[in-house]
């Protein structure tokens, strides 16, 4: 199909993974692309923190569906292996329940042995899971690769073919009961709800495709950290002729007769273009970057009524020593996991005990820390800022509670005296950075906020404006955010999506 005018000028707000994907694809297709980023580095939540010789990923640390990322570089005419070095992890991660550890592998026989060891007789469920969910994935994922901007999408042959494969009522946890009886074994296949910022007891069973793709396609680490993906996308974008502007915040999207005309920068200057891709946090952008009084569907009042993901409490540590007994990825479930989730998603209060994810990437990648030291990334899910928690008051207490858990339950032991450098991000800090309610995984992925019920890639309220990132279709998580960027680029290019 012939593309529209390739010299159209495209303005992109935000150099997160969605904006970068759109930028490098459109630049490679000959568009005049200008990418504006308020920070001094690219990546957004997929950027890096450099401190005292350590390099930390700010956000994502798991790379799933690597072939989707491969496709994004191919769309830009590049071979991904010329830009990035990957390690497929085995085990993908360790789950620590307190009385036993379960190593999750994408090697079917290894995984069955783990299940047999801890849940005798239930290993047969893995074969059934992989066989049934392969059919579901093949039916559903093509829908997530296409723009869902009309009610009539529900009546397309592609959607009708996928409909019988969509579990529409059960939660992810409950649906896994079709394969496994033990609660802890079912929980072992729900960690992926983390990518959506949801509880597995509330996350729609629609997302059972997430544990499937891990077990089918594996989990990868990128040398230098996953933030290297954003850095290399930026380099490809500029190689293709794109123009990147760092330290350049946007004050407002310029709209005339309900059509975007350009952008007003924070210094008051204006830039004009044919189309705008908005890759900022969706709810923040609707409240702060659009002209006041313009929006109806996404007015501040309606934005406030939507459902949002949890937030996270982040600790980035550089510590003395190397810890080979600590896996690359480990998830520590709190002793009362259900109660911990209730405090986060229903009560909006702090738990007595936290569930914590720890990445010890130095066992895989020696580039992230000085010799003889380790790069430790710690994430604890927390209520978003509907909670009203005073994080200046609670930050030290929460930090100490997490470090006590590390002392009691991990091979790292008491690390306080070995800390070389430290950086903390609280839910309040996330909100200050431009994330609505500090909801780090964006809009919730409840049934009433999926597919065409999610903000559309071609924005509904203003012409010549498109959306990328976790707040639009198809949703949060790096692979789906890349897809959002590609969908926006294809819509602008005139490709049928």
Protein backbone atom coordinates (compact mmCIF):
# COMPACT_ATOMS: atom_id res chain seq x y z
CA UNK A 1 0.00 0.00 0.00
CA UNK A 2 1.35 3.42 -0.96
CA UNK A 3 2.13 5.57 2.04
CA UNK A 4 0.99 9.16 2.41
CA UNK A 5 3.31 12.14 2.02
CA UNK A 6 6.58 10.95 3.51
CA UNK A 7 7.82 14.46 4.23
CA UNK A 8 5.05 15.22 6.65
CA UNK A 9 6.41 16.77 9.83
CA UNK A 10 5.70 14.65 12.89
CA UNK A 11 6.07 15.97 16.44
CA UNK A 12 6.44 13.41 19.22
CA UNK A 13 6.06 14.25 22.91
CA UNK A 14 8.11 11.96 25.16
CA UNK A 15 11.07 9.71 24.39
CA UNK A 16 9.75 6.71 26.30
CA UNK A 17 9.73 3.31 24.58
CA UNK A 18 6.45 4.01 22.74
CA UNK A 19 7.59 7.40 21.44
CA UNK A 20 11.00 6.04 20.47
CA UNK A 21 9.42 3.17 18.55
CA UNK A 22 7.19 5.52 16.58
CA UNK A 23 10.10 7.90 16.03
CA UNK A 24 12.57 5.43 14.58
CA UNK A 25 9.95 3.74 12.39
CA UNK A 26 8.60 6.99 10.97
CA UNK A 27 12.08 8.45 10.45
CA UNK A 28 13.10 5.31 8.57
CA UNK A 29 10.05 5.77 6.32
CA UNK A 30 11.18 9.25 5.37
CA UNK A 31 9.02 11.42 7.62
CA UNK A 32 10.46 14.60 9.17
CA UNK A 33 10.32 13.53 12.81
CA UNK A 34 11.01 15.75 15.83
CA UNK A 35 11.13 14.08 19.26
CA UNK A 36 10.85 16.19 22.42
CA UNK A 37 11.93 14.88 25.84
CA UNK A 38 11.81 16.87 29.08
CA UNK A 39 14.59 14.84 30.75
CA UNK A 40 18.28 14.88 29.89
CA UNK A 41 18.19 11.21 28.82
CA UNK A 42 15.83 9.16 26.67
CA UNK A 43 13.70 6.30 27.91
CA UNK A 44 11.21 7.69 30.42
CA UNK A 45 10.49 4.80 32.80
CA UNK A 46 12.82 2.77 30.55
CA UNK A 47 15.78 5.09 31.18
CA UNK A 48 18.86 4.72 33.38
CA UNK A 49 20.30 6.13 36.57
CA UNK A 50 24.09 6.42 36.68
CA UNK A 51 25.62 6.88 40.09
CA UNK A 52 29.10 6.26 41.53
CA UNK A 53 30.06 3.81 38.78
CA UNK A 54 26.76 1.88 38.89
CA UNK A 55 24.11 1.83 36.16
CA UNK A 56 20.51 1.15 37.22
CA UNK A 57 17.44 0.61 35.06
CA UNK A 58 14.77 2.99 36.29
CA UNK A 59 11.86 0.71 35.44
CA UNK A 60 11.50 -2.44 33.32
CA UNK A 61 13.96 -5.26 33.99
CA UNK A 62 12.21 -8.17 32.23
CA UNK A 63 12.24 -8.45 28.44
CA UNK A 64 9.51 -10.77 27.18
CA UNK A 65 8.48 -11.45 23.59
CA UNK A 66 11.90 -10.47 22.31
CA UNK A 67 10.80 -11.15 18.75
CA UNK A 68 8.49 -8.10 18.99
CA UNK A 69 11.49 -5.89 19.75
CA UNK A 70 13.37 -7.58 16.88
CA UNK A 71 10.50 -6.58 14.60
CA UNK A 72 10.66 -2.92 15.70
CA UNK A 73 14.31 -2.66 14.67
CA UNK A 74 13.53 -4.50 11.43
CA UNK A 75 10.74 -1.96 10.74
CA UNK A 76 13.47 0.68 10.88
CA UNK A 77 15.68 -1.33 8.50
CA UNK A 78 18.10 -2.51 11.19
CA UNK A 79 19.26 -5.84 12.59
CA UNK A 80 18.80 -5.79 16.32
CA UNK A 81 21.94 -7.86 17.01
CA UNK A 82 24.00 -5.05 15.49
CA UNK A 83 22.79 -2.83 18.32
CA UNK A 84 22.09 -4.93 21.41
CA UNK A 85 23.44 -8.04 23.14
CA UNK A 86 20.97 -10.41 24.79
CA UNK A 87 21.14 -13.17 27.39
CA UNK A 88 18.26 -15.62 27.72
CA UNK A 89 17.83 -16.32 31.44
CA UNK A 90 17.46 -19.80 32.91
CA UNK A 91 15.88 -19.87 35.37
CA UNK A 92 13.83 -16.91 34.25
CA UNK A 93 13.33 -16.03 37.92
CA UNK A 94 13.06 -17.55 41.38
CA UNK A 95 9.91 -17.37 43.50
CA UNK A 96 10.57 -17.40 47.25
CA UNK A 97 7.53 -18.42 49.30
CA UNK A 98 9.29 -18.51 52.65
CA UNK A 99 9.33 -22.26 53.24
CA UNK A 100 10.52 -23.17 49.73
CA UNK A 101 11.86 -21.63 46.51
CA UNK A 102 10.59 -22.39 43.01
CA UNK A 103 12.84 -21.77 40.01
CA UNK A 104 10.73 -20.83 36.98
CA UNK A 105 12.24 -22.07 33.71
CA UNK A 106 11.11 -21.89 30.09
CA UNK A 107 12.65 -25.34 29.66
CA UNK A 108 9.55 -27.53 29.90
CA UNK A 109 11.28 -30.54 31.44
CA UNK A 110 13.10 -28.44 34.03
CA UNK A 111 9.85 -26.72 34.92
CA UNK A 112 8.01 -30.02 35.27
CA UNK A 113 10.73 -31.28 37.60
CA UNK A 114 10.33 -28.18 39.75
CA UNK A 115 6.58 -28.67 39.94
CA UNK A 116 6.96 -32.38 40.65
CA UNK A 117 9.39 -31.62 43.48
CA UNK A 118 7.17 -29.11 45.27
CA UNK A 119 3.66 -30.04 44.01
CA UNK A 120 3.77 -33.80 43.28
CA UNK A 121 1.27 -34.93 40.65
CA UNK A 122 0.55 -31.44 39.31
CA UNK A 123 3.32 -31.41 36.71
CA UNK A 124 0.90 -32.78 34.11
CA UNK A 125 -0.92 -29.44 34.26
CA UNK A 126 2.02 -27.71 32.59
CA UNK A 127 1.55 -29.64 29.35
CA UNK A 128 -2.15 -28.81 29.30
CA UNK A 129 -1.39 -25.15 30.06
CA UNK A 130 1.13 -24.77 27.24
CA UNK A 131 -1.01 -26.61 24.71
CA UNK A 132 -4.24 -24.73 25.42
CA UNK A 133 -2.67 -21.31 25.88
CA UNK A 134 -0.73 -21.52 22.63
CA UNK A 135 -4.06 -21.54 20.77
CA UNK A 136 -5.30 -18.62 22.85
CA UNK A 137 -2.16 -16.57 22.23
CA UNK A 138 -2.30 -17.14 18.48
CA UNK A 139 -5.92 -15.99 18.44
CA UNK A 140 -5.66 -12.98 20.75
CA UNK A 141 -2.28 -11.37 20.12
CA UNK A 142 -3.05 -10.29 16.50
CA UNK A 143 -5.89 -8.18 17.94
CA UNK A 144 -3.45 -6.47 20.29
CA UNK A 145 -1.26 -5.56 17.31
CA UNK A 146 -4.02 -3.60 15.59
CA UNK A 147 -5.71 -0.32 16.37
CA UNK A 148 -8.97 -0.84 18.26
CA UNK A 149 -10.69 2.47 17.60
CA UNK A 150 -14.21 1.51 16.62
CA UNK A 151 -17.13 -0.47 18.00
CA UNK A 152 -17.18 -2.27 14.67
CA UNK A 153 -13.85 -3.89 15.53
CA UNK A 154 -15.90 -6.30 17.60
CA UNK A 155 -17.46 -7.66 14.39
CA UNK A 156 -14.34 -8.15 12.30
CA UNK A 157 -13.44 -11.74 11.33
CA UNK A 158 -10.22 -11.44 13.38
CA UNK A 159 -12.10 -10.48 16.54
CA UNK A 160 -14.89 -13.00 16.07
CA UNK A 161 -12.29 -15.73 15.59
CA UNK A 162 -10.59 -14.71 18.84
CA UNK A 163 -13.77 -14.25 20.90
CA UNK A 164 -14.16 -17.93 21.93
CA UNK A 165 -10.60 -17.77 23.31
CA UNK A 166 -11.31 -14.80 25.60
CA UNK A 167 -12.12 -15.74 29.22
CA UNK A 168 -14.44 -12.86 30.07
CA UNK A 169 -15.32 -13.37 33.73
CA UNK A 170 -12.65 -15.17 35.76
CA UNK A 171 -9.58 -13.63 37.35
CA UNK A 172 -6.13 -14.78 36.29
CA UNK A 173 -5.69 -16.65 39.58
CA UNK A 174 -9.06 -18.39 39.36
CA UNK A 175 -8.65 -19.37 35.73
CA UNK A 176 -5.35 -21.08 36.47
CA UNK A 177 -7.41 -23.49 38.56
CA UNK A 178 -8.14 -25.19 35.25
CA UNK A 179 -4.54 -26.39 35.27
CA UNK A 180 -3.28 -26.39 38.86
CA UNK A 181 -4.88 -27.10 42.26
CA UNK A 182 -2.34 -25.64 44.70
CA UNK A 183 -2.74 -21.96 45.50
CA UNK A 184 1.03 -21.41 45.55
CA UNK A 185 1.46 -23.12 42.18
CA UNK A 186 -1.25 -20.95 40.68
CA UNK A 187 0.46 -17.89 42.16
CA UNK A 188 3.64 -19.02 40.42
CA UNK A 189 1.91 -18.38 37.11
CA UNK A 190 0.51 -14.98 38.09
CA UNK A 191 3.67 -12.98 38.75
CA UNK A 192 3.14 -11.45 35.30
CA UNK A 193 0.23 -9.40 36.68
CA UNK A 194 3.08 -7.22 38.01
CA UNK A 195 3.61 -5.90 34.47
CA UNK A 196 0.07 -4.53 34.62
CA UNK A 197 0.27 -3.24 38.19
CA UNK A 198 -2.68 -5.46 39.17
CA UNK A 199 -3.52 -8.10 41.74
CA UNK A 200 -3.70 -11.64 40.26
CA UNK A 201 -7.00 -12.02 42.13
CA UNK A 202 -8.45 -9.13 40.09
CA UNK A 203 -6.41 -9.20 36.87
CA UNK A 204 -8.65 -10.48 34.04
CA UNK A 205 -7.96 -14.04 32.87
CA UNK A 206 -7.58 -12.47 29.41
CA UNK A 207 -3.96 -11.89 30.48
CA UNK A 208 -3.20 -15.57 30.92
CA UNK A 209 -1.31 -15.04 27.68
CA UNK A 210 1.43 -13.34 29.74
CA UNK A 211 2.64 -16.40 31.69
CA UNK A 212 2.27 -18.39 28.49
CA UNK A 213 4.61 -16.14 26.49
CA UNK A 214 7.24 -16.32 29.23
CA UNK A 215 7.20 -20.11 29.24
CA UNK A 216 7.10 -20.23 25.43
CA UNK A 217 9.53 -17.48 24.45
CA UNK A 218 11.62 -16.93 27.58
CA UNK A 219 12.85 -13.86 29.47
CA UNK A 220 15.93 -11.89 28.38
CA UNK A 221 18.45 -9.51 29.88
CA UNK A 222 20.11 -6.84 27.76
CA UNK A 223 23.78 -6.16 28.38
CA UNK A 224 24.08 -2.74 30.00
CA UNK A 225 20.50 -2.99 31.29
CA UNK A 226 17.16 -2.76 29.55
CA UNK A 227 17.58 1.02 29.37
CA UNK A 228 20.05 0.25 26.56
CA UNK A 229 17.05 -0.53 24.37
CA UNK A 230 15.88 3.07 24.59
CA UNK A 231 19.39 4.41 24.05
CA UNK A 232 19.87 2.33 20.92
CA UNK A 233 16.43 3.18 19.58
CA UNK A 234 17.38 6.82 19.94
CA UNK A 235 20.58 6.21 18.00
CA UNK A 236 18.69 4.43 15.21
CA UNK A 237 16.19 7.29 15.11
CA UNK A 238 18.93 9.88 14.70
CA UNK A 239 20.76 7.71 12.17
CA UNK A 240 17.58 7.80 10.06
CA UNK A 241 17.54 11.60 10.16
CA UNK A 242 15.29 12.19 13.15
CA UNK A 243 15.83 15.19 15.41
CA UNK A 244 15.98 14.70 19.17
CA UNK A 245 15.52 17.53 21.69
CA UNK A 246 16.46 16.68 25.28
CA UNK A 247 15.76 18.96 28.27
CA UNK A 248 12.79 20.26 26.29
CA UNK A 249 9.48 20.10 28.13
CA UNK A 250 6.11 20.66 26.47
CA UNK A 251 3.74 23.18 27.99
CA UNK A 252 0.71 22.52 25.78
CA UNK A 253 -0.49 20.80 22.63
CA UNK A 254 -1.64 23.49 20.22
CA UNK A 255 -5.18 22.83 18.99
CA UNK A 256 -7.26 24.82 16.51
CA UNK A 257 -10.75 23.78 15.42
CA UNK A 258 -10.20 20.45 17.20
CA UNK A 259 -7.12 19.73 15.12
CA UNK A 260 -3.54 19.66 16.40
CA UNK A 261 -1.28 22.30 14.91
CA UNK A 262 1.87 21.83 16.95
CA UNK A 263 3.34 22.24 20.42
CA UNK A 264 4.09 25.06 22.82
CA UNK A 265 7.38 24.47 24.59
CA UNK A 266 7.98 25.34 28.23
CA UNK A 267 9.86 28.49 27.24
CA UNK A 268 6.79 29.75 25.38
CA UNK A 269 8.10 29.11 21.88
CA UNK A 270 5.99 27.18 19.39
CA UNK A 271 6.73 24.43 16.89
CA UNK A 272 4.30 23.39 14.20
CA UNK A 273 3.76 20.09 12.45
CA UNK A 274 1.28 17.95 10.57
CA UNK A 275 0.69 15.29 13.24
CA UNK A 276 1.42 14.90 16.95
CA UNK A 277 2.11 11.67 18.83
CA UNK A 278 1.57 12.07 22.56
CA UNK A 279 3.73 9.59 24.50
CA UNK A 280 3.54 11.23 27.91
CA UNK A 281 1.70 9.52 30.78
CA UNK A 282 -1.87 9.53 29.48
CA UNK A 283 -3.80 10.86 32.46
CA UNK A 284 -1.11 13.42 33.28
CA UNK A 285 -1.13 14.62 29.67
CA UNK A 286 -4.92 14.96 29.55
CA UNK A 287 -4.87 17.10 32.71
CA UNK A 288 -1.76 19.15 32.01
CA UNK A 289 -0.83 19.25 28.31
CA UNK A 290 -4.19 19.72 26.59
CA UNK A 291 -5.91 23.14 26.37
CA UNK A 292 -8.14 23.75 29.39
CA UNK A 293 -11.84 23.10 28.81
CA UNK A 294 -11.30 21.36 25.46
CA UNK A 295 -11.76 17.73 26.41
CA UNK A 296 -15.10 16.06 27.07
CA UNK A 297 -14.44 12.31 27.14
CA UNK A 298 -11.16 12.84 28.99
CA UNK A 299 -11.97 15.86 31.13
CA UNK A 300 -10.24 16.09 34.55
CA UNK A 301 -13.43 14.87 36.21
CA UNK A 302 -13.65 11.77 34.01
CA UNK A 303 -9.93 11.09 34.26
CA UNK A 304 -10.27 11.03 38.05
CA UNK A 305 -12.99 8.37 37.84
CA UNK A 306 -10.89 5.91 35.86
CA UNK A 307 -9.11 2.94 37.40
CA UNK A 308 -5.35 3.03 37.88
CA UNK A 309 -2.57 0.58 38.61
CA UNK A 310 -0.63 0.37 41.82
CA UNK A 311 2.55 2.36 42.41
CA UNK A 312 5.99 1.15 43.46
CA UNK A 313 8.61 1.91 46.07
CA UNK A 314 12.05 1.64 44.45
CA UNK A 315 15.47 1.22 46.04
CA UNK A 316 18.55 1.17 43.83
CA UNK A 317 21.66 -0.01 45.67
CA UNK A 318 25.29 -0.38 44.79
CA UNK A 319 26.84 -2.72 47.33
CA UNK A 320 30.23 -4.22 48.07
CA UNK A 321 30.71 -7.88 47.16
CA UNK A 322 29.40 -10.35 44.59
CA UNK A 323 26.49 -12.68 45.38
CA UNK A 324 26.30 -15.69 43.07
CA UNK A 325 23.77 -17.42 45.34
CA UNK A 326 21.23 -14.71 44.55
CA UNK A 327 19.43 -15.24 41.22
CA UNK A 328 19.23 -12.57 38.54
CA UNK A 329 15.50 -12.13 39.34
CA UNK A 330 13.88 -13.15 42.63
CA UNK A 331 10.35 -12.45 43.88
CA UNK A 332 9.72 -12.73 47.62
CA UNK A 333 6.08 -13.26 48.49
CA UNK A 334 4.94 -11.84 51.81
CA UNK A 335 3.70 -14.48 54.28
CA UNK A 336 0.14 -13.23 53.91
CA UNK A 337 0.17 -12.42 50.21
CA UNK A 338 -3.58 -11.89 49.87
CA UNK A 339 -3.60 -9.41 52.72
CA UNK A 340 -0.61 -7.59 51.24
CA UNK A 341 -2.50 -7.21 47.96
CA UNK A 342 -5.65 -6.02 49.71
CA UNK A 343 -3.73 -3.22 51.42
CA UNK A 344 -2.39 -2.12 48.03
CA UNK A 345 -5.46 -2.38 45.81
CA UNK A 346 -8.45 -2.07 48.15
CA UNK A 347 -7.46 -0.42 51.41
CA UNK A 348 -4.76 1.93 50.04
CA UNK A 349 -2.70 1.48 53.17
CA UNK A 350 0.80 0.28 54.00
CA UNK A 351 1.31 -3.40 54.76
CA UNK A 352 2.90 -4.87 57.85
CA UNK A 353 5.01 -6.97 55.48
CA UNK A 354 5.82 -6.34 51.81
CA UNK A 355 6.20 -8.54 48.79
CA UNK A 356 9.46 -7.56 47.12
CA UNK A 357 11.12 -8.12 43.76
CA UNK A 358 14.94 -8.00 43.70
CA UNK A 359 17.18 -8.01 40.65
CA UNK A 360 20.82 -8.99 41.14
CA UNK A 361 21.83 -8.37 37.54
CA UNK A 362 25.55 -8.43 38.33
CA UNK A 363 25.47 -12.25 38.29
CA UNK A 364 24.75 -11.96 34.56
CA UNK A 365 26.13 -8.58 33.50
CA UNK A 366 29.46 -7.24 34.81
CA UNK A 367 29.01 -3.87 33.09
CA UNK A 368 26.48 -2.59 35.65
CA UNK A 369 28.78 -2.27 38.67
CA UNK A 370 32.48 -1.67 39.44
CA UNK A 371 34.65 -4.80 39.90
CA UNK A 372 33.87 -6.73 43.07
CA UNK A 373 30.54 -4.95 43.59
CA UNK A 374 26.88 -5.65 42.82
CA UNK A 375 23.99 -3.73 41.33
CA UNK A 376 20.82 -4.39 43.37
CA UNK A 377 17.41 -3.22 42.14
CA UNK A 378 14.50 -3.49 44.59
CA UNK A 379 10.81 -2.97 43.82
CA UNK A 380 7.94 -3.22 46.28
CA UNK A 381 4.38 -2.69 44.99
CA UNK A 382 2.58 0.07 46.90
CA UNK A 383 -0.82 1.81 46.78
CA UNK A 384 -1.02 4.59 44.24
CA UNK A 385 -1.44 8.11 45.58
CA UNK A 386 -5.17 7.86 46.11
CA UNK A 387 -3.87 6.59 49.45
CA UNK A 388 -2.86 10.01 50.70
CA UNK A 389 0.21 8.44 52.33
CA UNK A 390 2.80 10.99 53.43
CA UNK A 391 5.87 9.52 51.76
CA UNK A 392 8.29 11.99 53.28
CA UNK A 393 7.18 10.67 56.64
CA UNK A 394 7.04 6.97 55.69
CA UNK A 395 10.02 6.64 53.35
CA UNK A 396 12.64 5.71 55.95
CA UNK A 397 10.35 3.26 57.73
CA UNK A 398 9.44 1.45 54.50
CA UNK A 399 13.08 1.34 53.42
CA UNK A 400 14.12 -0.16 56.75
CA UNK A 401 11.34 -2.73 56.64
CA UNK A 402 12.46 -3.86 53.16
CA UNK A 403 16.12 -4.06 54.22
CA UNK A 404 15.07 -6.15 57.23
CA UNK A 405 13.26 -8.53 54.88
CA UNK A 406 16.42 -8.78 52.76
CA UNK A 407 18.43 -9.56 55.90
CA UNK A 408 16.04 -12.29 57.01
CA UNK A 409 15.12 -13.95 53.73
CA UNK A 410 17.84 -13.48 51.10
CA UNK A 411 21.44 -14.62 50.53
CA UNK A 412 22.41 -10.93 50.62
CA UNK A 413 21.97 -10.81 54.39
CA UNK A 414 22.28 -7.49 56.22
CA UNK A 415 23.61 -5.19 53.52
CA UNK A 416 23.44 -1.88 55.38
CA UNK A 417 27.20 -1.68 56.03
CA UNK A 418 27.99 -2.67 52.43
CA UNK A 419 25.99 0.02 50.68
CA UNK A 420 28.20 2.17 48.46
CA UNK A 421 25.46 4.19 46.80
CA UNK A 422 21.68 4.43 47.13
CA UNK A 423 18.76 6.02 45.34
CA UNK A 424 15.08 5.82 46.32
CA UNK A 425 11.92 6.62 44.33
CA UNK A 426 8.62 6.73 46.23
CA UNK A 427 5.08 6.91 44.79
CA UNK A 428 5.18 10.64 45.52
CA UNK A 429 8.37 10.96 43.45
CA UNK A 430 6.72 9.10 40.56
CA UNK A 431 3.84 11.58 40.61
CA UNK A 432 6.20 14.55 40.71
CA UNK A 433 7.91 13.18 37.59
CA UNK A 434 4.65 13.38 35.62
CA UNK A 435 2.89 10.09 36.40
CA UNK A 436 -0.75 10.52 37.40
CA UNK A 437 -1.30 9.31 41.00
CA UNK A 438 2.17 7.78 40.84
CA UNK A 439 0.50 4.81 39.10
CA UNK A 440 3.66 3.44 37.52
CA UNK A 441 1.82 0.92 35.31
CA UNK A 442 -0.67 3.52 34.06
CA UNK A 443 -4.40 2.92 33.60
CA UNK A 444 -5.59 -0.35 35.07
CA UNK A 445 -6.25 -3.22 32.67
CA UNK A 446 -9.74 -4.03 33.96
CA UNK A 447 -12.30 -5.32 31.45
CA UNK A 448 -13.83 -1.86 31.09
CA UNK A 449 -10.42 -0.41 30.12
CA UNK A 450 -9.30 -2.95 27.49
CA UNK A 451 -9.14 -2.96 23.69
CA UNK A 452 -11.48 -0.32 22.22
CA UNK A 453 -12.46 0.74 25.77
CA UNK A 454 -8.88 1.93 26.32
CA UNK A 455 -7.79 5.34 24.95
CA UNK A 456 -7.41 4.91 21.21
CA UNK A 457 -4.12 5.10 19.32
CA UNK A 458 -5.80 7.65 17.05
CA UNK A 459 -6.98 10.08 19.67
CA UNK A 460 -10.75 10.40 19.83
CA UNK A 461 -11.15 14.07 20.74
CA UNK A 462 -8.63 15.84 18.50
CA UNK A 463 -7.72 15.23 14.85
CA UNK A 464 -4.12 14.63 13.72
CA UNK A 465 -3.18 13.40 17.17
CA UNK A 466 -2.05 9.89 18.12
CA UNK A 467 -1.18 8.11 21.36
CA UNK A 468 1.68 5.81 22.31
CA UNK A 469 2.70 4.26 25.62
CA UNK A 470 1.13 2.16 28.35
CA UNK A 471 -1.98 4.35 28.72
CA UNK A 472 -3.32 3.50 25.28
CA UNK A 473 -4.07 0.26 23.46
CA UNK A 474 -2.73 -2.42 23.80
CA UNK A 475 -1.44 -1.55 27.32
CA UNK A 476 1.50 -1.68 29.74
CA UNK A 477 4.62 -3.83 29.49
CA UNK A 478 7.46 -3.24 27.06
CA UNK A 479 6.27 -5.47 24.17
CA UNK A 480 2.78 -3.94 24.17
CA UNK A 481 4.18 -0.42 24.48
CA UNK A 482 6.36 -1.11 21.44
CA UNK A 483 3.22 -2.26 19.65
CA UNK A 484 1.46 0.99 20.58
CA UNK A 485 4.33 2.91 18.99
CA UNK A 486 4.17 0.83 15.83
CA UNK A 487 0.38 1.17 15.59
CA UNK A 488 0.65 4.97 15.84
CA UNK A 489 3.40 5.02 13.19
CA UNK A 490 1.36 2.82 10.85
CA UNK A 491 -1.75 4.95 11.28
CA UNK A 492 0.23 8.06 10.32
CA UNK A 493 1.92 6.25 7.45
CA UNK A 494 -1.37 5.13 5.99
CA UNK A 495 -0.76 1.47 6.60
CA UNK A 496 -3.92 -0.49 7.31
CA UNK A 497 -4.07 -1.21 11.02
